[in-house]
Amino acid sequence: RVTDIYLCNCSLITDEALKLIGEKCSQLHTLDVEGCSNVTDEGIRSILQSNPDMDILSFYGCKKVKSEIIRSIVEYTPNIKYIIANDI
């Protein structure tokens, strides 16, 4: 059972990769995709939808993630404790 995933500064991580992770890992507590330049709202949302008990989400430096992701965070992970982001 995977509960924590750290993929910092990996330009090979895409929304498709996050969708696959979301399909296979439904008990995540931490997801850190800091600096993953190809991640967008869509990829983050796919993880959130299957992981309602997530505690920590970091997408600091993911320039393609927009402020609209906040709505999805609140909707899918209402008890999240930490969000690490910038420029959204």
N, C-alpha and C. Protein backbone atom coordinates (compact mmCIF):
# COMPACT_ATOMS: atom_id res chain seq x y z
N ARG A 1 0.84 -1.17 0.00
CA ARG A 1 0.00 0.00 0.00
C ARG A 1 0.89 1.24 0.00
N VAL A 2 0.77 2.04 -1.00
CA VAL A 2 1.55 3.27 -1.15
C VAL A 2 0.78 4.42 -0.51
N THR A 3 1.45 5.16 0.37
CA THR A 3 0.78 6.30 1.02
C THR A 3 1.46 7.63 0.73
N ASP A 4 2.72 7.61 0.31
CA ASP A 4 3.46 8.85 0.06
C ASP A 4 4.23 8.74 -1.25
N ILE A 5 4.10 9.75 -2.09
CA ILE A 5 4.81 9.78 -3.36
C ILE A 5 5.50 11.13 -3.51
N TYR A 6 6.80 11.07 -3.78
CA TYR A 6 7.62 12.27 -3.98
C TYR A 6 8.23 12.21 -5.38
N LEU A 7 7.85 13.13 -6.24
CA LEU A 7 8.32 13.14 -7.63
C LEU A 7 8.89 14.51 -7.99
N CYS A 8 9.60 15.12 -7.09
CA CYS A 8 10.09 16.49 -7.27
C CYS A 8 10.98 16.66 -8.49
N ASN A 9 10.74 17.77 -9.20
CA ASN A 9 11.58 18.20 -10.33
C ASN A 9 11.76 17.15 -11.41
N CYS A 10 10.71 16.40 -11.66
CA CYS A 10 10.78 15.37 -12.70
C CYS A 10 9.95 15.81 -13.90
N SER A 11 10.61 16.26 -14.94
CA SER A 11 9.90 16.77 -16.11
C SER A 11 9.20 15.65 -16.90
N LEU A 12 9.49 14.41 -16.58
CA LEU A 12 8.84 13.29 -17.27
C LEU A 12 7.46 12.97 -16.70
N ILE A 13 7.13 13.54 -15.55
CA ILE A 13 5.82 13.31 -14.95
C ILE A 13 4.80 14.20 -15.65
N THR A 14 3.78 13.56 -16.17
CA THR A 14 2.72 14.25 -16.92
C THR A 14 1.37 13.99 -16.25
N ASP A 15 0.34 14.61 -16.78
CA ASP A 15 -1.01 14.35 -16.29
C ASP A 15 -1.38 12.89 -16.47
N GLU A 16 -0.96 12.30 -17.56
CA GLU A 16 -1.24 10.88 -17.80
C GLU A 16 -0.63 10.00 -16.72
N ALA A 17 0.58 10.32 -16.31
CA ALA A 17 1.24 9.56 -15.24
C ALA A 17 0.47 9.72 -13.93
N LEU A 18 0.02 10.93 -13.65
CA LEU A 18 -0.75 11.16 -12.42
C LEU A 18 -2.10 10.45 -12.47
N LYS A 19 -2.72 10.38 -13.63
CA LYS A 19 -3.98 9.64 -13.77
C LYS A 19 -3.76 8.17 -13.43
N LEU A 20 -2.69 7.61 -13.94
CA LEU A 20 -2.37 6.21 -13.66
C LEU A 20 -2.11 6.01 -12.17
N ILE A 21 -1.36 6.90 -11.57
CA ILE A 21 -1.10 6.82 -10.13
C ILE A 21 -2.43 6.89 -9.37
N GLY A 22 -3.30 7.79 -9.77
CA GLY A 22 -4.61 7.91 -9.12
C GLY A 22 -5.44 6.65 -9.24
N GLU A 23 -5.35 5.97 -10.36
CA GLU A 23 -6.09 4.73 -10.55
C GLU A 23 -5.55 3.60 -9.69
N LYS A 24 -4.26 3.58 -9.47
CA LYS A 24 -3.61 2.48 -8.76
C LYS A 24 -3.41 2.74 -7.27
N CYS A 25 -3.37 4.00 -6.86
CA CYS A 25 -3.08 4.36 -5.47
C CYS A 25 -4.23 5.19 -4.91
N SER A 26 -5.04 4.59 -4.07
CA SER A 26 -6.20 5.30 -3.54
C SER A 26 -6.08 5.58 -2.04
N GLN A 27 -4.87 5.41 -1.49
CA GLN A 27 -4.69 5.68 -0.06
C GLN A 27 -3.52 6.63 0.17
N LEU A 28 -3.33 7.55 -0.76
CA LEU A 28 -2.23 8.50 -0.62
C LEU A 28 -2.51 9.51 0.49
N HIS A 29 -1.47 9.81 1.26
CA HIS A 29 -1.55 10.86 2.26
C HIS A 29 -0.70 12.06 1.84
N THR A 30 0.35 11.78 1.05
CA THR A 30 1.24 12.85 0.59
C THR A 30 1.52 12.69 -0.89
N LEU A 31 1.38 13.78 -1.63
CA LEU A 31 1.82 13.83 -3.02
C LEU A 31 2.64 15.09 -3.20
N ASP A 32 3.87 14.92 -3.64
CA ASP A 32 4.77 16.04 -3.86
C ASP A 32 5.26 16.00 -5.31
N VAL A 33 4.75 16.92 -6.11
CA VAL A 33 5.17 17.03 -7.51
C VAL A 33 5.84 18.38 -7.75
N GLU A 34 6.47 18.90 -6.73
CA GLU A 34 7.13 20.19 -6.80
C GLU A 34 8.08 20.26 -7.98
N GLY A 35 7.92 21.30 -8.80
CA GLY A 35 8.81 21.53 -9.92
C GLY A 35 8.59 20.62 -11.12
N CYS A 36 7.53 19.82 -11.12
CA CYS A 36 7.23 18.97 -12.27
C CYS A 36 6.56 19.83 -13.34
N SER A 37 7.30 20.21 -14.33
CA SER A 37 6.88 21.23 -15.28
C SER A 37 5.75 20.84 -16.22
N ASN A 38 5.44 19.56 -16.31
CA ASN A 38 4.38 19.12 -17.22
C ASN A 38 3.07 18.76 -16.53
N VAL A 39 2.98 19.03 -15.25
CA VAL A 39 1.77 18.74 -14.48
C VAL A 39 0.81 19.94 -14.58
N THR A 40 -0.48 19.64 -14.82
CA THR A 40 -1.51 20.68 -14.87
C THR A 40 -2.61 20.37 -13.86
N ASP A 41 -3.62 21.21 -13.84
CA ASP A 41 -4.78 20.99 -12.96
C ASP A 41 -5.38 19.61 -13.18
N GLU A 42 -5.45 19.18 -14.41
CA GLU A 42 -6.07 17.91 -14.74
C GLU A 42 -5.38 16.75 -14.02
N GLY A 43 -4.07 16.73 -14.01
CA GLY A 43 -3.33 15.67 -13.34
C GLY A 43 -3.52 15.69 -11.84
N ILE A 44 -3.44 16.87 -11.24
CA ILE A 44 -3.66 17.01 -9.80
C ILE A 44 -5.07 16.56 -9.45
N ARG A 45 -6.05 16.98 -10.23
CA ARG A 45 -7.45 16.63 -9.98
C ARG A 45 -7.65 15.12 -10.02
N SER A 46 -7.01 14.44 -10.93
CA SER A 46 -7.19 12.98 -11.03
C SER A 46 -6.68 12.27 -9.78
N ILE A 47 -5.63 12.81 -9.17
CA ILE A 47 -5.13 12.25 -7.91
C ILE A 47 -6.12 12.54 -6.77
N LEU A 48 -6.59 13.77 -6.71
CA LEU A 48 -7.50 14.17 -5.63
C LEU A 48 -8.78 13.36 -5.63
N GLN A 49 -9.32 13.09 -6.81
CA GLN A 49 -10.59 12.37 -6.92
C GLN A 49 -10.54 10.99 -6.29
N SER A 50 -9.39 10.34 -6.34
CA SER A 50 -9.30 8.98 -5.80
C SER A 50 -8.61 8.92 -4.44
N ASN A 51 -8.27 10.07 -3.88
CA ASN A 51 -7.57 10.11 -2.59
C ASN A 51 -8.16 11.16 -1.65
N PRO A 52 -9.37 10.92 -1.17
CA PRO A 52 -10.05 11.92 -0.34
C PRO A 52 -9.39 12.15 1.02
N ASP A 53 -8.53 11.25 1.45
CA ASP A 53 -7.89 11.39 2.76
C ASP A 53 -6.49 11.99 2.68
N MET A 54 -6.15 12.60 1.56
CA MET A 54 -4.83 13.20 1.40
C MET A 54 -4.62 14.30 2.45
N ASP A 55 -3.42 14.30 3.03
CA ASP A 55 -3.06 15.30 4.05
C ASP A 55 -2.18 16.40 3.50
N ILE A 56 -1.25 16.05 2.61
CA ILE A 56 -0.25 17.00 2.13
C ILE A 56 -0.19 16.96 0.60
N LEU A 57 -0.31 18.12 -0.01
CA LEU A 57 -0.20 18.23 -1.47
C LEU A 57 0.76 19.37 -1.77
N SER A 58 1.82 19.06 -2.51
CA SER A 58 2.77 20.09 -2.91
C SER A 58 2.89 20.12 -4.42
N PHE A 59 2.59 21.29 -4.99
CA PHE A 59 2.79 21.50 -6.42
C PHE A 59 3.48 22.83 -6.65
N TYR A 60 4.34 23.19 -5.71
CA TYR A 60 5.15 24.40 -5.79
C TYR A 60 6.00 24.36 -7.06
N GLY A 61 5.97 25.42 -7.82
CA GLY A 61 6.78 25.48 -9.04
C GLY A 61 6.16 24.80 -10.25
N CYS A 62 4.94 24.32 -10.12
CA CYS A 62 4.25 23.71 -11.28
C CYS A 62 3.49 24.83 -11.99
N LYS A 63 4.13 25.46 -12.93
CA LYS A 63 3.61 26.67 -13.56
C LYS A 63 2.33 26.46 -14.37
N LYS A 64 2.03 25.21 -14.73
CA LYS A 64 0.82 24.95 -15.51
C LYS A 64 -0.40 24.69 -14.63
N VAL A 65 -0.22 24.65 -13.32
CA VAL A 65 -1.34 24.48 -12.40
C VAL A 65 -1.89 25.87 -12.09
N LYS A 66 -3.18 26.03 -12.29
CA LYS A 66 -3.83 27.34 -12.15
C LYS A 66 -4.67 27.41 -10.87
N SER A 67 -5.15 28.58 -10.55
CA SER A 67 -5.88 28.81 -9.30
C SER A 67 -7.18 28.00 -9.21
N GLU A 68 -7.71 27.57 -10.33
CA GLU A 68 -8.95 26.78 -10.32
C GLU A 68 -8.78 25.47 -9.56
N ILE A 69 -7.55 25.03 -9.36
CA ILE A 69 -7.32 23.77 -8.66
C ILE A 69 -7.77 23.86 -7.21
N ILE A 70 -7.82 25.06 -6.65
CA ILE A 70 -8.27 25.22 -5.27
C ILE A 70 -9.68 24.67 -5.08
N ARG A 71 -10.55 24.92 -6.03
CA ARG A 71 -11.92 24.41 -5.96
C ARG A 71 -11.93 22.88 -5.89
N SER A 72 -11.09 22.23 -6.68
CA SER A 72 -11.01 20.77 -6.66
C SER A 72 -10.43 20.25 -5.35
N ILE A 73 -9.45 20.96 -4.81
CA ILE A 73 -8.87 20.55 -3.53
C ILE A 73 -9.95 20.57 -2.44
N VAL A 74 -10.71 21.64 -2.39
CA VAL A 74 -11.77 21.76 -1.39
C VAL A 74 -12.85 20.70 -1.61
N GLU A 75 -13.19 20.46 -2.86
CA GLU A 75 -14.25 19.51 -3.17
C GLU A 75 -13.86 18.06 -2.87
N TYR A 76 -12.67 17.66 -3.29
CA TYR A 76 -12.29 16.25 -3.20
C TYR A 76 -11.51 15.88 -1.94
N THR A 77 -10.82 16.83 -1.33
CA THR A 77 -10.02 16.54 -0.13
C THR A 77 -10.30 17.59 0.93
N PRO A 78 -11.52 17.62 1.46
CA PRO A 78 -11.91 18.69 2.38
C PRO A 78 -11.12 18.73 3.69
N ASN A 79 -10.46 17.66 4.06
CA ASN A 79 -9.72 17.62 5.32
C ASN A 79 -8.22 17.75 5.13
N ILE A 80 -7.78 18.17 3.95
CA ILE A 80 -6.35 18.31 3.68
C ILE A 80 -5.74 19.29 4.70
N LYS A 81 -4.52 19.00 5.13
CA LYS A 81 -3.88 19.81 6.16
C LYS A 81 -2.89 20.82 5.58
N TYR A 82 -2.14 20.43 4.54
CA TYR A 82 -1.11 21.30 3.99
C TYR A 82 -1.17 21.32 2.47
N ILE A 83 -1.14 22.53 1.92
CA ILE A 83 -1.02 22.73 0.48
C ILE A 83 0.20 23.62 0.27
N ILE A 84 1.13 23.15 -0.51
CA ILE A 84 2.35 23.91 -0.77
C ILE A 84 2.33 24.29 -2.25
N ALA A 85 2.19 25.58 -2.53
CA ALA A 85 2.05 26.05 -3.90
C ALA A 85 2.59 27.47 -4.00
N ASN A 86 2.68 27.96 -5.21
CA ASN A 86 3.04 29.36 -5.44
C ASN A 86 2.44 29.83 -6.75
N ASP A 87 2.26 31.13 -6.86
CA ASP A 87 1.81 31.77 -8.10
C ASP A 87 0.57 31.16 -8.70
N ILE A 88 -0.40 30.78 -7.84
CA ILE A 88 -1.65 30.28 -8.42
C ILE A 88 -2.74 31.31 -8.26
